[in-house]
Amino acid sequence: MSEIILEVQNLKKYYQQGTLFQKKESVKAVDDVSFVLHRKETLAIVGESGCGKSTTVKSLIRLTEPTSGKVILHGEDFTSLKGKELREARKKLKIIFQDPYSSLN
């Protein structure tokens, strides 16, 4: 088996829904996603509108913080990186969003 480049373990992203005076409820945008990506593999995340594709990717690269789970990039715990270490680690990733032109801004 080839080298593991990216490993995602039990990734979850929940949002709190409700107003200031209402009881807050959790909305599960991403619930328990796990996968392994080996060297020379390509991964596509596809699905219906609103199923959590963009939220999954944004949580992977920490444009939005995941509720829980672990992302391991090249053997390093990506979920624990901060500041300069996080910015440097992001340079190893190539993400193509649904609208590739908006990712250039």
C-alpha atoms as a PDB file:
ATOM      1  CA  MET A   1       0.000   0.000   0.000  1.00  0.00           C
ATOM      2  CA  SER A   2       1.285   3.493  -0.805  1.00  0.00           C
ATOM      3  CA  GLU A   3       1.975   6.307   1.635  1.00  0.00           C
ATOM      4  CA  ILE A   4      -0.993   7.883   3.434  1.00  0.00           C
ATOM      5  CA  ILE A   5      -1.194  11.582   2.564  1.00  0.00           C
ATOM      6  CA  LEU A   6      -4.441  12.545   4.290  1.00  0.00           C
ATOM      7  CA  GLU A   7      -6.427  10.747   6.962  1.00  0.00           C
ATOM      8  CA  VAL A   8      -9.732  12.058   8.286  1.00  0.00           C
ATOM      9  CA  GLN A   9     -11.153  10.487  11.430  1.00  0.00           C
ATOM     10  CA  ASN A  10     -14.734  11.059  12.613  1.00  0.00           C
ATOM     11  CA  LEU A  11     -14.998  14.642  11.324  1.00  0.00           C
ATOM     12  CA  LYS A  12     -18.086  16.481  12.595  1.00  0.00           C
ATOM     13  CA  LYS A  13     -19.351  20.014  12.112  1.00  0.00           C
ATOM     14  CA  TYR A  14     -22.490  21.082  13.966  1.00  0.00           C
ATOM     15  CA  TYR A  15     -24.053  24.539  13.918  1.00  0.00           C
ATOM     16  CA  GLN A  16     -26.203  25.986  16.684  1.00  0.00           C
ATOM     17  CA  GLN A  17     -29.604  27.157  15.478  1.00  0.00           C
ATOM     18  CA  GLY A  18     -32.018  29.394  17.337  1.00  0.00           C
ATOM     19  CA  THR A  19     -32.385  32.982  18.424  1.00  0.00           C
ATOM     20  CA  LEU A  20     -31.237  34.624  21.620  1.00  0.00           C
ATOM     21  CA  PHE A  21     -34.426  33.671  23.474  1.00  0.00           C
ATOM     22  CA  GLN A  22     -34.990  30.250  21.902  1.00  0.00           C
ATOM     23  CA  LYS A  23     -33.480  26.961  22.930  1.00  0.00           C
ATOM     24  CA  LYS A  24     -30.406  26.283  20.795  1.00  0.00           C
ATOM     25  CA  GLU A  25     -30.533  23.171  18.652  1.00  0.00           C
ATOM     26  CA  SER A  26     -27.644  21.543  16.831  1.00  0.00           C
ATOM     27  CA  VAL A  27     -27.820  21.165  13.074  1.00  0.00           C
ATOM     28  CA  LYS A  28     -25.530  18.419  11.803  1.00  0.00           C
ATOM     29  CA  ALA A  29     -23.833  19.774   8.675  1.00  0.00           C
ATOM     30  CA  VAL A  30     -21.168  17.032   8.663  1.00  0.00           C
ATOM     31  CA  ASP A  31     -21.596  13.936  10.797  1.00  0.00           C
ATOM     32  CA  ASP A  32     -18.811  11.422  11.355  1.00  0.00           C
ATOM     33  CA  VAL A  33     -16.891  11.552   8.052  1.00  0.00           C
ATOM     34  CA  SER A  34     -13.796   9.318   7.835  1.00  0.00           C
ATOM     35  CA  PHE A  35     -11.522   8.426   4.919  1.00  0.00           C
ATOM     36  CA  VAL A  36      -7.895   7.836   3.937  1.00  0.00           C
ATOM     37  CA  LEU A  37      -6.190   9.294   0.860  1.00  0.00           C
ATOM     38  CA  HIS A  38      -3.004   7.621  -0.391  1.00  0.00           C
ATOM     39  CA  ARG A  39      -0.254   9.045  -2.596  1.00  0.00           C
ATOM     40  CA  LYS A  40      -1.288   9.289  -6.276  1.00  0.00           C
ATOM     41  CA  GLU A  41      -5.002   9.064  -5.432  1.00  0.00           C
ATOM     42  CA  THR A  42      -7.582  11.723  -6.236  1.00  0.00           C
ATOM     43  CA  LEU A  43     -10.582  12.429  -4.048  1.00  0.00           C
ATOM     44  CA  ALA A  44     -13.838  13.997  -5.226  1.00  0.00           C
ATOM     45  CA  ILE A  45     -16.581  14.906  -2.786  1.00  0.00           C
ATOM     46  CA  VAL A  46     -19.908  14.891  -4.616  1.00  0.00           C
ATOM     47  CA  GLY A  47     -23.546  14.971  -3.587  1.00  0.00           C
ATOM     48  CA  GLU A  48     -26.808  16.845  -3.621  1.00  0.00           C
ATOM     49  CA  SER A  49     -27.041  20.545  -2.900  1.00  0.00           C
ATOM     50  CA  GLY A  50     -26.909  21.198   0.837  1.00  0.00           C
ATOM     51  CA  CYS A  51     -25.530  17.780   1.813  1.00  0.00           C
ATOM     52  CA  GLY A  52     -22.346  19.161   3.429  1.00  0.00           C
ATOM     53  CA  LYS A  53     -19.705  18.960   0.681  1.00  0.00           C
ATOM     54  CA  SER A  54     -18.396  22.511   1.080  1.00  0.00           C
ATOM     55  CA  THR A  55     -18.632  22.368   4.869  1.00  0.00           C
ATOM     56  CA  THR A  56     -16.624  19.136   4.861  1.00  0.00           C
ATOM     57  CA  VAL A  57     -13.836  20.683   2.793  1.00  0.00           C
ATOM     58  CA  LYS A  58     -13.847  23.939   4.770  1.00  0.00           C
ATOM     59  CA  SER A  59     -13.588  21.914   7.985  1.00  0.00           C
ATOM     60  CA  LEU A  60     -10.735  19.828   6.539  1.00  0.00           C
ATOM     61  CA  ILE A  61      -8.607  22.896   5.855  1.00  0.00           C
ATOM     62  CA  ARG A  62      -9.982  24.762   8.882  1.00  0.00           C
ATOM     63  CA  LEU A  63     -11.582  27.672   7.090  1.00  0.00           C
ATOM     64  CA  THR A  64     -14.307  26.747   9.576  1.00  0.00           C
ATOM     65  CA  GLU A  65     -13.389  24.894  12.759  1.00  0.00           C
ATOM     66  CA  PRO A  66     -14.739  21.339  12.983  1.00  0.00           C
ATOM     67  CA  THR A  67     -16.848  20.466  16.019  1.00  0.00           C
ATOM     68  CA  SER A  68     -14.767  17.338  16.526  1.00  0.00           C
ATOM     69  CA  GLY A  69     -12.639  14.809  14.702  1.00  0.00           C
ATOM     70  CA  LYS A  70      -9.090  14.614  13.501  1.00  0.00           C
ATOM     71  CA  VAL A  71      -7.386  15.547  10.232  1.00  0.00           C
ATOM     72  CA  ILE A  72      -3.900  14.104   9.740  1.00  0.00           C
ATOM     73  CA  LEU A  73      -1.898  15.565   6.846  1.00  0.00           C
ATOM     74  CA  HIS A  74       1.436  13.907   6.004  1.00  0.00           C
ATOM     75  CA  GLY A  75       1.450  12.306   9.470  1.00  0.00           C
ATOM     76  CA  GLU A  76       0.897  15.622  11.288  1.00  0.00           C
ATOM     77  CA  ASP A  77      -2.256  16.431  13.285  1.00  0.00           C
ATOM     78  CA  PHE A  78      -3.675  19.279  11.181  1.00  0.00           C
ATOM     79  CA  THR A  79      -6.456  19.958  13.709  1.00  0.00           C
ATOM     80  CA  SER A  80      -3.980  21.070  16.376  1.00  0.00           C
ATOM     81  CA  LEU A  81      -1.946  23.495  14.223  1.00  0.00           C
ATOM     82  CA  LYS A  82      -2.146  27.237  14.826  1.00  0.00           C
ATOM     83  CA  GLY A  83      -0.850  30.451  13.256  1.00  0.00           C
ATOM     84  CA  LYS A  84       2.162  30.117  10.978  1.00  0.00           C
ATOM     85  CA  GLU A  85       2.207  26.296  11.225  1.00  0.00           C
ATOM     86  CA  LEU A  86      -1.391  26.169   9.977  1.00  0.00           C
ATOM     87  CA  ARG A  87      -0.683  28.549   7.082  1.00  0.00           C
ATOM     88  CA  GLU A  88       2.370  26.513   6.027  1.00  0.00           C
ATOM     89  CA  ALA A  89       0.452  23.223   6.203  1.00  0.00           C
ATOM     90  CA  ARG A  90      -2.378  24.641   4.063  1.00  0.00           C
ATOM     91  CA  LYS A  91       0.128  25.198   1.245  1.00  0.00           C
ATOM     92  CA  LYS A  92       0.327  21.403   0.844  1.00  0.00           C
ATOM     93  CA  LEU A  93      -3.372  21.204  -0.072  1.00  0.00           C
ATOM     94  CA  LYS A  94      -5.056  21.914  -3.394  1.00  0.00           C
ATOM     95  CA  ILE A  95      -8.783  22.489  -3.177  1.00  0.00           C
ATOM     96  CA  ILE A  96     -11.055  23.173  -6.165  1.00  0.00           C
ATOM     97  CA  PHE A  97     -14.381  24.576  -4.983  1.00  0.00           C
ATOM     98  CA  GLN A  98     -17.667  24.295  -6.892  1.00  0.00           C
ATOM     99  CA  ASP A  99     -17.068  27.730  -8.418  1.00  0.00           C
ATOM    100  CA  PRO A 100     -13.299  27.726  -9.063  1.00  0.00           C
ATOM    101  CA  TYR A 101     -13.293  31.415 -10.057  1.00  0.00           C
ATOM    102  CA  SER A 102     -14.524  32.493  -6.605  1.00  0.00           C
ATOM    103  CA  SER A 103     -11.584  30.689  -4.980  1.00  0.00           C
ATOM    104  CA  LEU A 104      -9.182  33.069  -6.752  1.00  0.00           C
ATOM    105  CA  ASN A 105     -10.431  36.055  -4.703  1.00  0.00           C
END
